Amino acid sequence: MDTDFSSLLPQNIDHSSFLPKVLEKLFPQQELRETVIGILGEYGRKEFHLEIPRVHLGILKLAGSDVESVKRWTSLACLDWRDLLIEAEYRYSFGKDKLRDRDPEKYAKLERKEQNEYRQWLVKLLAT
């Protein structure tokens, strides 16, 4: 039986519901998890900080369980959250507008690769 993972694509997921689960998996010790939540909380304080749970999840995708990486990625997000999402979700297709026009099939493959990587990250992390 095939499982429908379309709800786990970056643009489709309920980031706010996945965020606590991901935090708990990456940081099982409550004290460390609370420290990371504090670091992540730096993003979301400014009016231009949009899509807070999505950006927090992107930070965790890129940083994994490395607290120093969480700090670095959070700093980047605070400057421009779009740069963070490009790295977390659109690493292969971003900036490939000419390819999209010239070879839509190849561009679509890049998008599928990004979506599959994101889905696999979530499935693997939450399955453990």
N, C-alpha and C. Protein backbone atom coordinates (compact mmCIF):
# COMPACT_ATOMS: atom_id res chain seq x y z
N MET A 1 0.84 -1.18 0.00
CA MET A 1 0.00 0.00 0.00
C MET A 1 0.89 1.25 0.00
N ASP A 2 0.63 2.16 -0.92
CA ASP A 2 1.40 3.39 -1.00
C ASP A 2 0.88 4.38 0.02
N THR A 3 1.82 5.06 0.67
CA THR A 3 1.46 6.08 1.65
C THR A 3 1.50 7.43 0.97
N ASP A 4 0.51 8.25 1.22
CA ASP A 4 0.47 9.59 0.65
C ASP A 4 1.22 10.54 1.58
N PHE A 5 2.38 10.98 1.12
CA PHE A 5 3.18 11.89 1.93
C PHE A 5 3.06 13.33 1.44
N SER A 6 2.05 13.62 0.60
CA SER A 6 1.93 14.96 0.05
C SER A 6 1.76 16.00 1.15
N SER A 7 1.20 15.58 2.29
CA SER A 7 1.05 16.54 3.38
C SER A 7 2.38 16.89 4.03
N LEU A 8 3.44 16.17 3.68
CA LEU A 8 4.76 16.45 4.25
C LEU A 8 5.63 17.31 3.32
N LEU A 9 5.07 17.82 2.25
CA LEU A 9 5.83 18.73 1.40
C LEU A 9 5.90 20.08 2.09
N PRO A 10 7.00 20.81 1.92
CA PRO A 10 7.19 22.06 2.66
C PRO A 10 6.00 23.01 2.57
N GLN A 11 5.42 23.12 1.38
CA GLN A 11 4.33 24.07 1.22
C GLN A 11 3.00 23.54 1.75
N ASN A 12 2.91 22.27 2.08
CA ASN A 12 1.64 21.69 2.51
C ASN A 12 1.56 21.36 4.00
N ILE A 13 2.67 21.30 4.68
CA ILE A 13 2.61 20.80 6.05
C ILE A 13 2.14 21.88 7.02
N ASP A 14 1.61 21.42 8.12
CA ASP A 14 1.25 22.30 9.23
C ASP A 14 2.50 22.40 10.10
N HIS A 15 3.31 23.39 9.79
CA HIS A 15 4.62 23.53 10.45
C HIS A 15 4.50 23.62 11.96
N SER A 16 3.47 24.28 12.43
CA SER A 16 3.34 24.45 13.88
C SER A 16 3.05 23.14 14.58
N SER A 17 2.45 22.16 13.88
CA SER A 17 2.21 20.88 14.54
C SER A 17 3.45 19.97 14.49
N PHE A 18 4.28 20.12 13.47
CA PHE A 18 5.49 19.31 13.36
C PHE A 18 6.62 19.83 14.23
N LEU A 19 6.66 21.14 14.45
CA LEU A 19 7.78 21.75 15.16
C LEU A 19 8.05 21.13 16.53
N PRO A 20 7.06 20.96 17.41
CA PRO A 20 7.37 20.36 18.71
C PRO A 20 7.88 18.92 18.60
N LYS A 21 7.37 18.18 17.64
CA LYS A 21 7.81 16.79 17.45
C LYS A 21 9.26 16.75 16.99
N VAL A 22 9.61 17.63 16.07
CA VAL A 22 10.98 17.68 15.57
C VAL A 22 11.92 18.13 16.68
N LEU A 23 11.53 19.13 17.43
CA LEU A 23 12.35 19.59 18.56
C LEU A 23 12.59 18.47 19.56
N GLU A 24 11.57 17.71 19.86
CA GLU A 24 11.71 16.63 20.83
C GLU A 24 12.63 15.53 20.31
N LYS A 25 12.55 15.25 19.02
CA LYS A 25 13.43 14.22 18.45
C LYS A 25 14.88 14.68 18.41
N LEU A 26 15.11 15.91 18.00
CA LEU A 26 16.48 16.41 17.87
C LEU A 26 17.11 16.72 19.23
N PHE A 27 16.28 17.15 20.17
CA PHE A 27 16.77 17.55 21.49
C PHE A 27 15.94 16.87 22.57
N PRO A 28 16.20 15.59 22.81
CA PRO A 28 15.38 14.83 23.77
C PRO A 28 15.51 15.33 25.21
N GLN A 29 16.64 15.95 25.55
CA GLN A 29 16.80 16.48 26.90
C GLN A 29 16.06 17.82 26.99
N GLN A 30 15.14 17.90 27.92
CA GLN A 30 14.27 19.06 28.05
C GLN A 30 15.05 20.37 28.21
N GLU A 31 16.08 20.35 29.01
CA GLU A 31 16.85 21.58 29.25
C GLU A 31 17.49 22.10 27.97
N LEU A 32 18.09 21.20 27.20
CA LEU A 32 18.71 21.60 25.93
C LEU A 32 17.64 22.04 24.94
N ARG A 33 16.52 21.34 24.91
CA ARG A 33 15.42 21.71 24.01
C ARG A 33 14.92 23.12 24.34
N GLU A 34 14.81 23.43 25.61
CA GLU A 34 14.38 24.77 26.00
C GLU A 34 15.39 25.84 25.59
N THR A 35 16.67 25.49 25.66
CA THR A 35 17.71 26.41 25.19
C THR A 35 17.54 26.68 23.70
N VAL A 36 17.31 25.61 22.94
CA VAL A 36 17.13 25.75 21.49
C VAL A 36 15.87 26.55 21.18
N ILE A 37 14.81 26.32 21.91
CA ILE A 37 13.57 27.08 21.71
C ILE A 37 13.85 28.57 21.95
N GLY A 38 14.67 28.87 22.93
CA GLY A 38 15.06 30.25 23.18
C GLY A 38 15.84 30.86 22.02
N ILE A 39 16.73 30.07 21.46
CA ILE A 39 17.51 30.53 20.30
C ILE A 39 16.58 30.77 19.12
N LEU A 40 15.72 29.80 18.84
CA LEU A 40 14.77 29.94 17.73
C LEU A 40 13.87 31.15 17.93
N GLY A 41 13.59 31.48 19.18
CA GLY A 41 12.72 32.60 19.50
C GLY A 41 13.27 33.95 19.07
N GLU A 42 14.55 34.00 18.75
CA GLU A 42 15.12 35.24 18.21
C GLU A 42 14.47 35.59 16.88
N TYR A 43 14.10 34.55 16.13
CA TYR A 43 13.38 34.79 14.88
C TYR A 43 11.89 34.83 15.20
N GLY A 44 11.26 35.94 14.83
CA GLY A 44 9.85 36.11 15.09
C GLY A 44 9.55 37.36 15.89
N ARG A 45 10.60 38.06 16.24
CA ARG A 45 10.44 39.28 17.06
C ARG A 45 10.20 40.54 16.24
N LYS A 46 10.55 40.47 14.98
CA LYS A 46 10.42 41.65 14.12
C LYS A 46 9.18 41.51 13.24
N GLU A 47 8.66 42.64 12.84
CA GLU A 47 7.46 42.65 12.00
C GLU A 47 7.68 41.93 10.68
N PHE A 48 8.89 42.00 10.14
CA PHE A 48 9.16 41.36 8.85
C PHE A 48 9.52 39.88 8.98
N HIS A 49 9.52 39.34 10.17
CA HIS A 49 9.76 37.91 10.39
C HIS A 49 8.45 37.16 10.14
N LEU A 50 8.35 36.59 8.98
CA LEU A 50 7.12 35.90 8.56
C LEU A 50 7.28 34.39 8.67
N GLU A 51 6.17 33.70 8.60
CA GLU A 51 6.13 32.23 8.57
C GLU A 51 7.01 31.62 9.65
N ILE A 52 6.81 32.03 10.85
CA ILE A 52 7.69 31.67 11.97
C ILE A 52 7.86 30.16 12.15
N PRO A 53 6.79 29.37 12.28
CA PRO A 53 7.01 27.92 12.45
C PRO A 53 7.73 27.28 11.27
N ARG A 54 7.41 27.74 10.07
CA ARG A 54 8.08 27.19 8.87
C ARG A 54 9.57 27.49 8.89
N VAL A 55 9.92 28.72 9.24
CA VAL A 55 11.33 29.10 9.31
C VAL A 55 12.03 28.33 10.43
N HIS A 56 11.39 28.19 11.57
CA HIS A 56 11.99 27.42 12.67
C HIS A 56 12.25 25.98 12.24
N LEU A 57 11.30 25.39 11.52
CA LEU A 57 11.50 24.03 11.04
C LEU A 57 12.65 23.97 10.03
N GLY A 58 12.74 24.99 9.17
CA GLY A 58 13.85 25.07 8.22
C GLY A 58 15.19 25.17 8.92
N ILE A 59 15.24 25.95 9.98
CA ILE A 59 16.48 26.07 10.77
C ILE A 59 16.88 24.70 11.31
N LEU A 60 15.92 23.98 11.85
CA LEU A 60 16.21 22.65 12.42
C LEU A 60 16.60 21.65 11.35
N LYS A 61 16.01 21.77 10.18
CA LYS A 61 16.38 20.87 9.08
C LYS A 61 17.86 21.07 8.72
N LEU A 62 18.27 22.31 8.66
CA LEU A 62 19.65 22.61 8.28
C LEU A 62 20.65 22.35 9.41
N ALA A 63 20.25 22.62 10.64
CA ALA A 63 21.17 22.54 11.77
C ALA A 63 21.22 21.16 12.41
N GLY A 64 20.13 20.41 12.30
CA GLY A 64 20.08 19.14 13.01
C GLY A 64 20.15 19.39 14.50
N SER A 65 20.88 18.56 15.20
CA SER A 65 20.95 18.69 16.66
C SER A 65 22.18 19.47 17.13
N ASP A 66 22.78 20.23 16.25
CA ASP A 66 23.95 21.04 16.57
C ASP A 66 23.51 22.44 17.01
N VAL A 67 23.63 22.72 18.28
CA VAL A 67 23.14 23.98 18.85
C VAL A 67 23.84 25.18 18.21
N GLU A 68 25.12 25.08 17.96
CA GLU A 68 25.83 26.20 17.32
C GLU A 68 25.30 26.47 15.92
N SER A 69 24.96 25.42 15.21
CA SER A 69 24.35 25.58 13.88
C SER A 69 22.97 26.21 13.99
N VAL A 70 22.24 25.85 15.01
CA VAL A 70 20.93 26.48 15.23
C VAL A 70 21.12 27.98 15.40
N LYS A 71 22.14 28.38 16.14
CA LYS A 71 22.43 29.80 16.33
C LYS A 71 22.76 30.48 15.00
N ARG A 72 23.63 29.84 14.21
CA ARG A 72 24.04 30.44 12.93
C ARG A 72 22.87 30.58 11.97
N TRP A 73 22.08 29.51 11.82
CA TRP A 73 20.94 29.54 10.89
C TRP A 73 19.88 30.52 11.38
N THR A 74 19.70 30.63 12.68
CA THR A 74 18.73 31.58 13.22
C THR A 74 19.18 33.01 12.92
N SER A 75 20.47 33.26 13.05
CA SER A 75 21.00 34.59 12.72
C SER A 75 20.74 34.94 11.26
N LEU A 76 20.95 33.98 10.37
CA LEU A 76 20.67 34.22 8.96
C LEU A 76 19.19 34.51 8.76
N ALA A 77 18.33 33.72 9.37
CA ALA A 77 16.89 33.92 9.23
C ALA A 77 16.47 35.30 9.72
N CYS A 78 17.10 35.75 10.79
CA CYS A 78 16.75 37.07 11.33
C CYS A 78 17.09 38.19 10.35
N LEU A 79 18.12 37.97 9.55
CA LEU A 79 18.48 38.97 8.53
C LEU A 79 17.53 38.90 7.35
N ASP A 80 17.28 37.70 6.85
CA ASP A 80 16.35 37.53 5.73
C ASP A 80 15.87 36.09 5.71
N TRP A 81 14.65 35.89 6.16
CA TRP A 81 14.07 34.55 6.28
C TRP A 81 14.02 33.82 4.95
N ARG A 82 13.94 34.57 3.85
CA ARG A 82 13.86 33.93 2.53
C ARG A 82 15.16 33.19 2.20
N ASP A 83 16.29 33.75 2.61
CA ASP A 83 17.57 33.07 2.38
C ASP A 83 17.60 31.73 3.10
N LEU A 84 17.06 31.70 4.30
CA LEU A 84 17.00 30.46 5.07
C LEU A 84 16.14 29.42 4.34
N LEU A 85 14.96 29.84 3.88
CA LEU A 85 14.07 28.89 3.20
C LEU A 85 14.64 28.40 1.88
N ILE A 86 15.41 29.24 1.21
CA ILE A 86 16.06 28.78 -0.02
C ILE A 86 16.97 27.60 0.30
N GLU A 87 17.76 27.73 1.34
CA GLU A 87 18.67 26.64 1.73
C GLU A 87 17.92 25.41 2.22
N ALA A 88 16.86 25.62 2.98
CA ALA A 88 16.14 24.51 3.59
C ALA A 88 15.20 23.80 2.62
N GLU A 89 14.63 24.54 1.67
CA GLU A 89 13.57 23.97 0.85
C GLU A 89 13.80 24.04 -0.66
N TYR A 90 14.58 25.00 -1.14
CA TYR A 90 14.67 25.24 -2.59
C TYR A 90 16.10 25.27 -3.10
N ARG A 91 16.94 24.42 -2.53
CA ARG A 91 18.37 24.46 -2.86
C ARG A 91 18.68 24.20 -4.33
N TYR A 92 17.88 23.40 -4.99
CA TYR A 92 18.19 23.02 -6.37
C TYR A 92 17.49 23.89 -7.40
N SER A 93 16.28 24.34 -7.10
CA SER A 93 15.51 25.05 -8.12
C SER A 93 15.64 26.57 -8.05
N PHE A 94 16.05 27.10 -6.92
CA PHE A 94 16.11 28.55 -6.79
C PHE A 94 17.10 29.14 -7.79
N GLY A 95 16.66 30.21 -8.45
CA GLY A 95 17.53 30.90 -9.40
C GLY A 95 17.63 30.22 -10.75
N LYS A 96 16.80 29.23 -10.99
CA LYS A 96 16.87 28.48 -12.24
C LYS A 96 15.69 28.85 -13.16
N ASP A 97 15.36 30.13 -13.22
CA ASP A 97 14.22 30.57 -14.03
C ASP A 97 14.41 30.26 -15.50
N LYS A 98 15.62 30.42 -16.00
CA LYS A 98 15.87 30.11 -17.41
C LYS A 98 15.67 28.63 -17.69
N LEU A 99 16.10 27.79 -16.75
CA LEU A 99 15.90 26.35 -16.91
C LEU A 99 14.41 26.03 -16.91
N ARG A 100 13.66 26.65 -16.03
CA ARG A 100 12.22 26.42 -15.98
C ARG A 100 11.57 26.75 -17.32
N ASP A 101 12.03 27.84 -17.95
CA ASP A 101 11.48 28.23 -19.25
C ASP A 101 11.96 27.32 -20.38
N ARG A 102 13.23 26.96 -20.33
CA ARG A 102 13.86 26.19 -21.39
C ARG A 102 13.52 24.71 -21.31
N ASP A 103 13.51 24.16 -20.10
CA ASP A 103 13.31 22.72 -19.93
C ASP A 103 12.44 22.47 -18.69
N PRO A 104 11.12 22.67 -18.83
CA PRO A 104 10.23 22.55 -17.67
C PRO A 104 10.30 21.17 -17.01
N GLU A 105 10.55 20.14 -17.78
CA GLU A 105 10.63 18.79 -17.21
C GLU A 105 11.83 18.65 -16.28
N LYS A 106 12.96 19.16 -16.71
CA LYS A 106 14.16 19.10 -15.87
C LYS A 106 13.98 19.94 -14.61
N TYR A 107 13.35 21.10 -14.76
CA TYR A 107 13.08 21.95 -13.61
C TYR A 107 12.15 21.23 -12.63
N ALA A 108 11.15 20.57 -13.15
CA ALA A 108 10.21 19.83 -12.30
C ALA A 108 10.93 18.72 -11.54
N LYS A 109 11.94 18.11 -12.16
CA LYS A 109 12.72 17.09 -11.47
C LYS A 109 13.46 17.68 -10.28
N LEU A 110 14.00 18.88 -10.45
CA LEU A 110 14.68 19.54 -9.34
C LEU A 110 13.70 19.82 -8.20
N GLU A 111 12.51 20.26 -8.55
CA GLU A 111 11.51 20.52 -7.51
C GLU A 111 11.13 19.24 -6.79
N ARG A 112 10.95 18.16 -7.54
CA ARG A 112 10.63 16.87 -6.91
C ARG A 112 11.75 16.40 -6.00
N LYS A 113 12.99 16.63 -6.42
CA LYS A 113 14.14 16.25 -5.60
C LYS A 113 14.12 17.01 -4.27
N GLU A 114 13.83 18.30 -4.33
CA GLU A 114 13.74 19.11 -3.11
C GLU A 114 12.62 18.60 -2.21
N GLN A 115 11.47 18.35 -2.79
CA GLN A 115 10.32 17.89 -2.03
C GLN A 115 10.59 16.52 -1.41
N ASN A 116 11.23 15.64 -2.18
CA ASN A 116 11.55 14.31 -1.65
C ASN A 116 12.54 14.39 -0.50
N GLU A 117 13.56 15.24 -0.62
CA GLU A 117 14.53 15.40 0.46
C GLU A 117 13.86 15.91 1.73
N TYR A 118 12.97 16.87 1.59
CA TYR A 118 12.28 17.43 2.76
C TYR A 118 11.42 16.35 3.40
N ARG A 119 10.67 15.66 2.58
CA ARG A 119 9.79 14.60 3.09
C ARG A 119 10.60 13.50 3.77
N GLN A 120 11.68 13.08 3.14
CA GLN A 120 12.53 12.03 3.72
C GLN A 120 13.13 12.46 5.03
N TRP A 121 13.53 13.72 5.13
CA TRP A 121 14.08 14.23 6.40
C TRP A 121 13.03 14.10 7.50
N LEU A 122 11.82 14.56 7.24
CA LEU A 122 10.78 14.50 8.26
C LEU A 122 10.42 13.06 8.61
N VAL A 123 10.22 12.23 7.60
CA VAL A 123 9.82 10.84 7.83
C VAL A 123 10.90 10.11 8.63
N LYS A 124 12.16 10.27 8.21
CA LYS A 124 13.26 9.59 8.90
C LYS A 124 13.39 10.07 10.34
N LEU A 125 13.33 11.36 10.53
CA LEU A 125 13.48 11.92 11.87
C LEU A 125 12.34 11.50 12.79
N LEU A 126 11.13 11.56 12.31
CA LEU A 126 9.98 11.26 13.15
C LEU A 126 9.74 9.78 13.33
N ALA A 127 10.35 8.96 12.48
CA ALA A 127 10.17 7.50 12.58
C ALA A 127 11.10 6.89 13.63
N THR A 128 12.14 7.61 14.01
CA THR A 128 13.11 7.05 14.95
C THR A 128 12.65 7.17 16.39
